[in-house]
Amino acid sequence: MRVLITGSSGQIGTNLAMRLQAAGHEVFGVDRRANTWTDQFDYVVQDLLTSTAAGMAQAWPRPDVVVHMAAHAKVHELVSQPHRALENVTMAFNVLEYCRAQRLPIVFGSSRETYGNLPQPLDSVSEELANFMTAASPYSASKLAGEAFVYSYSRCYGLPYIVFRFSNVYGRYDDDIERMERVIPLFIRKIRSGEPIVVYGRDKLLDFTYVDDCVAGVMAGIVALAEGRVKNETMNLAYSRGHTLIELVQIIGRTLNVEPDMQIGPTLVGEVTRYIANISKARRLLDYAPQVPLAEGIPLAVAWQDSFHAEFKVKG
């Protein structure tokens, strides 16, 4: 099977491309920036904001499935730069136009941010609870809009899809300082060096997903969509257990054998403050079974970061 991945230089895109290739599939990537992690799969540097369906068809080998991961993804950055949220919608629209012209199924990478801050705290959040009225930020609005376009293209043009809503994916290939500093590699770096860290939101409760679990779910979805076994479904992909940011910091501290210098600040504007995924739908449709709890995933993330920086120093 040939799979085309947009956002192929990002964390999920890179891990997914390498796992697909290892499983014997052909992979072609598209990103607006070069992949700094690996040269093990083919890709083009291309801006999806200015690409047309015809131009994409000329530049890309025709795949069996398109996986659209490309997006600006830092919530608080899109609060201060909301035009980038609109760019997310434009990129999704342009890729959907390509899929419509080529009659290709699409896997759309969405987010737990589509749920916003629900009025009542729940033990877990199921897919039907996403609502544009609870959009907490321009980023969440961009994902809701992207999903709406996917659903409309399915209804109007018969485009098969799977939408995956991701939640705090961490692990290998997430230490990309120049593009976007994620909270876990940021905390690991600062705690290791003895710098103070700020936890924004004492009671914030989130569902952290190790990248291998996320990629396993996406791969199962790609195969099921290509084979026609599963289509036109929206699913949460997460571990389905909540941890506060304070618990996260404590796990990192234990892993590094360092006492964190932690300060507590108010929750940032636009951030979701509580989310635990109900993953029963992904379990039922894709046999999705995440394997890595946070207490095991953080040591893996630390080990990868250590090996990456050691390799970087050798190359430097």
Protein backbone atom coordinates (compact mmCIF):
# COMPACT_ATOMS: atom_id res chain seq x y z
CA MET A 1 0.00 0.00 0.00
CA ARG A 2 1.17 3.55 -0.75
CA VAL A 3 0.49 6.14 1.94
CA LEU A 4 0.91 9.90 1.58
CA ILE A 5 1.48 11.82 4.83
CA THR A 6 1.21 15.60 5.12
CA GLY A 7 3.07 17.03 8.07
CA SER A 8 5.60 14.25 7.59
CA SER A 9 8.40 16.16 9.35
CA GLY A 10 6.44 16.43 12.59
CA GLN A 11 6.49 14.05 15.52
CA ILE A 12 3.53 11.84 14.63
CA GLY A 13 4.19 12.08 10.89
CA THR A 14 7.82 10.98 11.20
CA ASN A 15 7.06 8.08 13.55
CA LEU A 16 4.14 6.97 11.38
CA ALA A 17 6.15 7.10 8.16
CA MET A 18 8.95 5.00 9.60
CA ARG A 19 6.57 2.44 11.11
CA LEU A 20 4.64 2.12 7.84
CA GLN A 21 7.83 1.68 5.89
CA ALA A 22 9.09 -0.95 8.34
CA ALA A 23 5.80 -2.82 7.80
CA GLY A 24 6.43 -2.94 4.04
CA HIS A 25 4.29 -0.02 2.87
CA GLU A 26 5.42 2.74 0.51
CA VAL A 27 5.49 6.19 2.09
CA PHE A 28 5.65 9.65 0.58
CA GLY A 29 5.74 12.75 2.77
CA VAL A 30 4.87 16.41 2.35
CA ASP A 31 5.89 19.20 4.72
CA ARG A 32 6.70 22.88 4.57
CA ARG A 33 10.06 22.18 6.24
CA ALA A 34 12.76 19.57 5.89
CA ASN A 35 12.73 16.52 8.13
CA THR A 36 15.54 16.96 10.66
CA TRP A 37 15.06 13.52 12.21
CA THR A 38 15.57 11.06 9.37
CA ASP A 39 16.20 10.61 5.65
CA GLN A 40 14.70 7.14 5.54
CA PHE A 41 11.59 8.03 3.48
CA ASP A 42 10.91 10.24 0.47
CA TYR A 43 9.21 13.58 0.90
CA VAL A 44 8.90 17.01 -0.72
CA VAL A 45 9.10 20.42 0.90
CA GLN A 46 5.86 22.12 -0.13
CA ASP A 47 3.53 24.73 1.33
CA LEU A 48 0.00 23.36 1.44
CA LEU A 49 -1.40 26.87 1.87
CA THR A 50 -0.64 27.71 -1.76
CA SER A 51 -0.99 24.26 -3.33
CA THR A 52 -3.81 23.39 -5.70
CA ALA A 53 -5.32 19.97 -6.26
CA ALA A 54 -3.89 19.91 -9.79
CA GLY A 55 -0.44 20.93 -8.54
CA MET A 56 -0.52 18.26 -5.87
CA ALA A 57 -1.48 15.61 -8.42
CA GLN A 58 1.53 16.59 -10.55
CA ALA A 59 4.01 16.70 -7.66
CA TRP A 60 2.91 13.66 -5.67
CA PRO A 61 2.82 9.94 -6.53
CA ARG A 62 -0.77 8.76 -6.37
CA PRO A 63 -1.34 7.05 -3.00
CA ASP A 64 -3.97 4.61 -1.76
CA VAL A 65 -4.64 6.67 1.38
CA VAL A 66 -3.89 10.26 2.37
CA VAL A 67 -3.04 11.00 6.02
CA HIS A 68 -3.40 14.71 6.78
CA MET A 69 -1.33 15.67 9.83
CA ALA A 70 -0.05 19.09 8.75
CA ALA A 71 -1.14 21.86 11.12
CA HIS A 72 0.04 24.64 13.41
CA ALA A 73 -0.44 22.92 16.74
CA LYS A 74 0.63 25.08 19.71
CA VAL A 75 -2.58 26.26 21.37
CA HIS A 76 -1.31 29.40 23.12
CA GLU A 77 0.65 30.48 20.03
CA LEU A 78 -2.55 30.40 17.97
CA VAL A 79 -4.29 32.45 20.65
CA SER A 80 -1.76 35.22 20.01
CA GLN A 81 -1.59 34.53 16.24
CA PRO A 82 -5.12 33.45 15.25
CA HIS A 83 -4.44 33.77 11.53
CA ARG A 84 -2.46 30.54 11.85
CA ALA A 85 -5.65 28.76 12.91
CA LEU A 86 -7.25 29.88 9.66
CA GLU A 87 -4.20 28.49 7.84
CA ASN A 88 -4.97 25.09 9.40
CA VAL A 89 -8.43 25.19 7.82
CA THR A 90 -7.04 26.27 4.44
CA MET A 91 -4.49 23.43 4.43
CA ALA A 92 -7.20 20.90 5.27
CA PHE A 93 -9.43 22.29 2.52
CA ASN A 94 -6.66 22.12 -0.10
CA VAL A 95 -5.81 18.51 0.80
CA LEU A 96 -9.51 17.57 0.71
CA GLU A 97 -9.78 19.10 -2.76
CA TYR A 98 -6.89 16.88 -3.86
CA CYS A 99 -8.59 13.83 -2.34
CA ARG A 100 -11.87 14.74 -4.03
CA ALA A 101 -10.22 15.12 -7.44
CA GLN A 102 -8.29 11.86 -7.05
CA ARG A 103 -11.12 10.01 -5.27
CA LEU A 104 -8.90 9.05 -2.33
CA PRO A 105 -9.82 8.22 1.28
CA ILE A 106 -8.40 10.46 4.00
CA VAL A 107 -7.25 10.02 7.58
CA PHE A 108 -7.56 13.38 9.32
CA GLY A 109 -5.47 14.19 12.39
CA SER A 110 -7.68 16.09 14.84
CA SER A 111 -7.39 16.84 18.54
CA ARG A 112 -8.96 16.56 21.97
CA GLU A 113 -9.18 20.35 21.73
CA THR A 114 -12.41 19.83 19.75
CA TYR A 115 -14.14 19.15 23.08
CA GLY A 116 -13.05 22.42 24.66
CA ASN A 117 -13.84 22.81 28.34
CA LEU A 118 -17.05 20.88 28.89
CA PRO A 119 -19.52 22.42 31.35
CA GLN A 120 -19.55 19.29 33.54
CA PRO A 121 -16.40 17.27 34.44
CA LEU A 122 -16.64 13.69 33.17
CA ASP A 123 -14.75 10.51 34.00
CA SER A 124 -14.06 10.16 30.25
CA VAL A 125 -15.06 12.01 27.09
CA SER A 126 -16.68 10.21 24.17
CA GLU A 127 -16.71 11.34 20.57
CA GLU A 128 -20.24 12.76 20.36
CA LEU A 129 -19.45 15.46 22.93
CA ALA A 130 -17.40 17.65 20.57
CA ASN A 131 -19.27 20.90 20.06
CA PHE A 132 -18.34 24.15 18.33
CA MET A 133 -20.01 26.03 21.20
CA THR A 134 -17.30 24.81 23.61
CA ALA A 135 -14.33 25.74 21.39
CA ALA A 136 -11.72 27.07 23.82
CA SER A 137 -9.25 28.57 21.35
CA PRO A 138 -8.65 29.41 17.68
CA TYR A 139 -6.74 26.12 17.45
CA SER A 140 -9.73 24.10 18.66
CA ALA A 141 -11.94 26.05 16.24
CA SER A 142 -9.56 25.15 13.39
CA LYS A 143 -9.82 21.44 14.20
CA LEU A 144 -13.61 21.61 14.48
CA ALA A 145 -13.73 23.38 11.12
CA GLY A 146 -11.37 20.85 9.56
CA GLU A 147 -13.52 17.99 10.80
CA ALA A 148 -16.64 19.72 9.47
CA PHE A 149 -15.07 19.94 6.02
CA VAL A 150 -14.16 16.24 6.16
CA TYR A 151 -17.73 15.30 7.09
CA SER A 152 -19.22 17.54 4.40
CA TYR A 153 -16.93 16.09 1.72
CA SER A 154 -18.02 12.62 2.74
CA ARG A 155 -21.70 13.54 2.46
CA CYS A 156 -21.44 15.57 -0.74
CA TYR A 157 -18.75 13.68 -2.66
CA GLY A 158 -18.66 10.22 -1.09
CA LEU A 159 -15.16 10.73 0.33
CA PRO A 160 -14.31 7.94 2.83
CA TYR A 161 -12.59 9.12 6.02
CA ILE A 162 -11.40 8.34 9.51
CA VAL A 163 -10.89 11.20 11.96
CA PHE A 164 -8.55 10.61 14.89
CA ARG A 165 -8.58 12.94 17.89
CA PHE A 166 -5.15 12.87 19.50
CA SER A 167 -4.28 13.81 23.07
CA ASN A 168 -0.88 15.05 24.30
CA VAL A 169 1.26 12.74 22.20
CA TYR A 170 4.85 12.53 23.47
CA GLY A 171 8.02 10.53 22.97
CA ARG A 172 10.39 10.03 20.06
CA TYR A 173 10.94 13.01 17.69
CA ASP A 174 9.16 15.58 19.86
CA ASP A 175 12.23 17.60 20.88
CA ASP A 176 12.02 20.20 18.11
CA ILE A 177 12.98 23.50 19.76
CA GLU A 178 13.07 25.61 16.59
CA ARG A 179 9.55 24.68 15.54
CA MET A 180 7.61 24.13 18.73
CA GLU A 181 8.65 23.38 22.31
CA ARG A 182 6.35 20.72 23.76
CA VAL A 183 5.71 20.57 27.48
CA ILE A 184 7.28 17.17 28.22
CA PRO A 185 10.66 17.74 26.51
CA LEU A 186 10.66 21.27 27.95
CA PHE A 187 10.12 19.95 31.48
CA ILE A 188 12.71 17.19 31.01
CA ARG A 189 15.32 19.68 29.83
CA LYS A 190 14.69 22.21 32.58
CA ILE A 191 14.37 19.73 35.43
CA ARG A 192 17.56 17.99 34.35
CA SER A 193 19.47 21.29 34.39
CA GLY A 194 17.96 22.45 37.68
CA GLU A 195 16.05 25.34 36.13
CA PRO A 196 12.68 26.35 37.58
CA ILE A 197 9.59 25.29 35.70
CA VAL A 198 6.10 26.75 35.72
CA VAL A 199 3.04 24.51 35.79
CA TYR A 200 0.13 26.43 34.33
CA GLY A 201 -2.90 25.06 36.14
CA ARG A 202 -2.65 23.20 39.46
CA ASP A 203 -5.69 21.02 38.76
CA LYS A 204 -5.32 20.60 35.01
CA LEU A 205 -5.91 16.93 34.20
CA LEU A 206 -4.82 15.57 30.81
CA ASP A 207 -4.53 12.26 28.95
CA PHE A 208 -0.94 11.69 27.80
CA THR A 209 -0.34 9.29 24.88
CA TYR A 210 2.99 7.66 24.13
CA VAL A 211 3.76 8.06 20.44
CA ASP A 212 4.02 4.32 19.69
CA ASP A 213 0.47 3.80 20.98
CA CYS A 214 -0.78 6.69 18.86
CA VAL A 215 0.96 5.42 15.73
CA ALA A 216 -0.32 1.87 16.27
CA GLY A 217 -3.87 3.22 16.29
CA VAL A 218 -3.34 5.35 13.18
CA MET A 219 -1.76 2.44 11.30
CA ALA A 220 -4.72 0.20 12.17
CA GLY A 221 -7.03 2.92 10.88
CA ILE A 222 -5.10 3.35 7.61
CA VAL A 223 -5.27 -0.35 6.85
CA ALA A 224 -8.94 -0.63 7.83
CA LEU A 225 -9.86 2.40 5.71
CA ALA A 226 -7.90 1.16 2.68
CA GLU A 227 -9.56 -2.23 2.92
CA GLY A 228 -13.03 -0.71 3.40
CA ARG A 229 -13.55 -2.42 6.77
CA VAL A 230 -13.92 0.86 8.65
CA LYS A 231 -14.87 4.21 7.16
CA ASN A 232 -16.62 7.46 8.04
CA GLU A 233 -15.80 7.18 11.74
CA THR A 234 -14.36 9.58 14.33
CA MET A 235 -12.32 8.12 17.18
CA ASN A 236 -10.33 9.20 20.21
CA LEU A 237 -6.75 7.91 20.36
CA ALA A 238 -5.21 8.28 23.81
CA TYR A 239 -4.21 6.18 26.81
CA SER A 240 -7.50 6.84 28.63
CA ARG A 241 -6.08 7.85 31.99
CA GLY A 242 -5.77 11.35 33.43
CA HIS A 243 -2.71 12.88 35.08
CA THR A 244 -2.21 16.36 36.46
CA LEU A 245 0.79 18.36 35.29
CA ILE A 246 2.10 18.14 38.85
CA GLU A 247 2.03 14.33 38.60
CA LEU A 248 3.84 14.60 35.27
CA VAL A 249 6.56 16.74 36.85
CA GLN A 250 6.93 14.27 39.72
CA ILE A 251 7.36 11.35 37.30
CA ILE A 252 10.01 13.26 35.36
CA GLY A 253 11.79 14.17 38.60
CA ARG A 254 11.87 10.52 39.74
CA THR A 255 13.13 9.41 36.34
CA LEU A 256 15.96 11.95 36.40
CA ASN A 257 16.56 11.56 40.15
CA VAL A 258 16.18 15.33 40.50
CA GLU A 259 13.90 17.32 42.80
CA PRO A 260 12.01 19.69 40.47
CA ASP A 261 11.97 23.42 41.21
CA MET A 262 8.28 23.88 40.44
CA GLN A 263 6.13 26.99 40.44
CA ILE A 264 2.37 27.06 39.89
CA GLY A 265 0.79 29.60 37.56
CA PRO A 266 -2.75 30.18 36.27
CA THR A 267 -4.04 28.21 33.31
CA LEU A 268 -3.18 29.92 30.03
CA VAL A 269 -5.96 31.43 27.95
CA GLY A 270 -7.47 28.93 25.50
CA GLU A 271 -6.20 25.77 27.18
CA VAL A 272 -8.36 22.76 27.98
CA THR A 273 -8.17 22.06 31.71
CA ARG A 274 -9.60 18.53 31.94
CA TYR A 275 -9.67 15.65 29.46
CA ILE A 276 -9.65 11.87 29.74
CA ALA A 277 -10.49 10.03 26.55
CA ASN A 278 -13.09 7.33 26.19
CA ILE A 279 -11.33 5.00 23.73
CA SER A 280 -13.98 2.27 23.58
CA LYS A 281 -14.83 3.09 19.96
CA ALA A 282 -11.22 2.68 18.79
CA ARG A 283 -10.98 -0.54 20.82
CA ARG A 284 -14.11 -1.90 19.17
CA LEU A 285 -13.41 -0.86 15.58
CA LEU A 286 -9.60 -1.15 15.42
CA ASP A 287 -8.64 -3.39 18.35
CA TYR A 288 -6.77 -0.37 19.69
CA ALA A 289 -5.02 -1.25 22.94
CA PRO A 290 -2.50 1.30 24.25
CA GLN A 291 0.42 -0.33 26.03
CA VAL A 292 2.48 2.47 27.60
CA PRO A 293 1.24 4.30 30.72
CA LEU A 294 2.83 7.65 31.57
CA ALA A 295 5.05 6.18 34.30
CA GLU A 296 6.65 3.90 31.68
CA GLY A 297 6.53 6.35 28.79
CA ILE A 298 8.47 9.14 30.51
CA PRO A 299 11.61 6.99 31.02
CA LEU A 300 11.38 6.03 27.34
CA ALA A 301 11.11 9.70 26.37
CA VAL A 302 14.08 10.59 28.58
CA ALA A 303 16.17 7.75 27.11
CA TRP A 304 15.34 8.86 23.56
CA GLN A 305 16.20 12.48 24.35
CA ASP A 306 19.52 11.37 25.85
CA SER A 307 20.40 9.29 22.78
CA PHE A 308 19.34 12.05 20.40
CA HIS A 309 21.46 14.70 22.06
CA ALA A 310 24.42 12.33 22.34
CA GLU A 311 24.17 11.60 18.60
CA PHE A 312 23.77 15.31 17.85
CA LYS A 313 26.98 16.11 19.75
CA VAL A 314 28.88 13.40 17.87
CA LYS A 315 27.67 14.73 14.51
CA GLY A 316 28.39 18.31 15.60
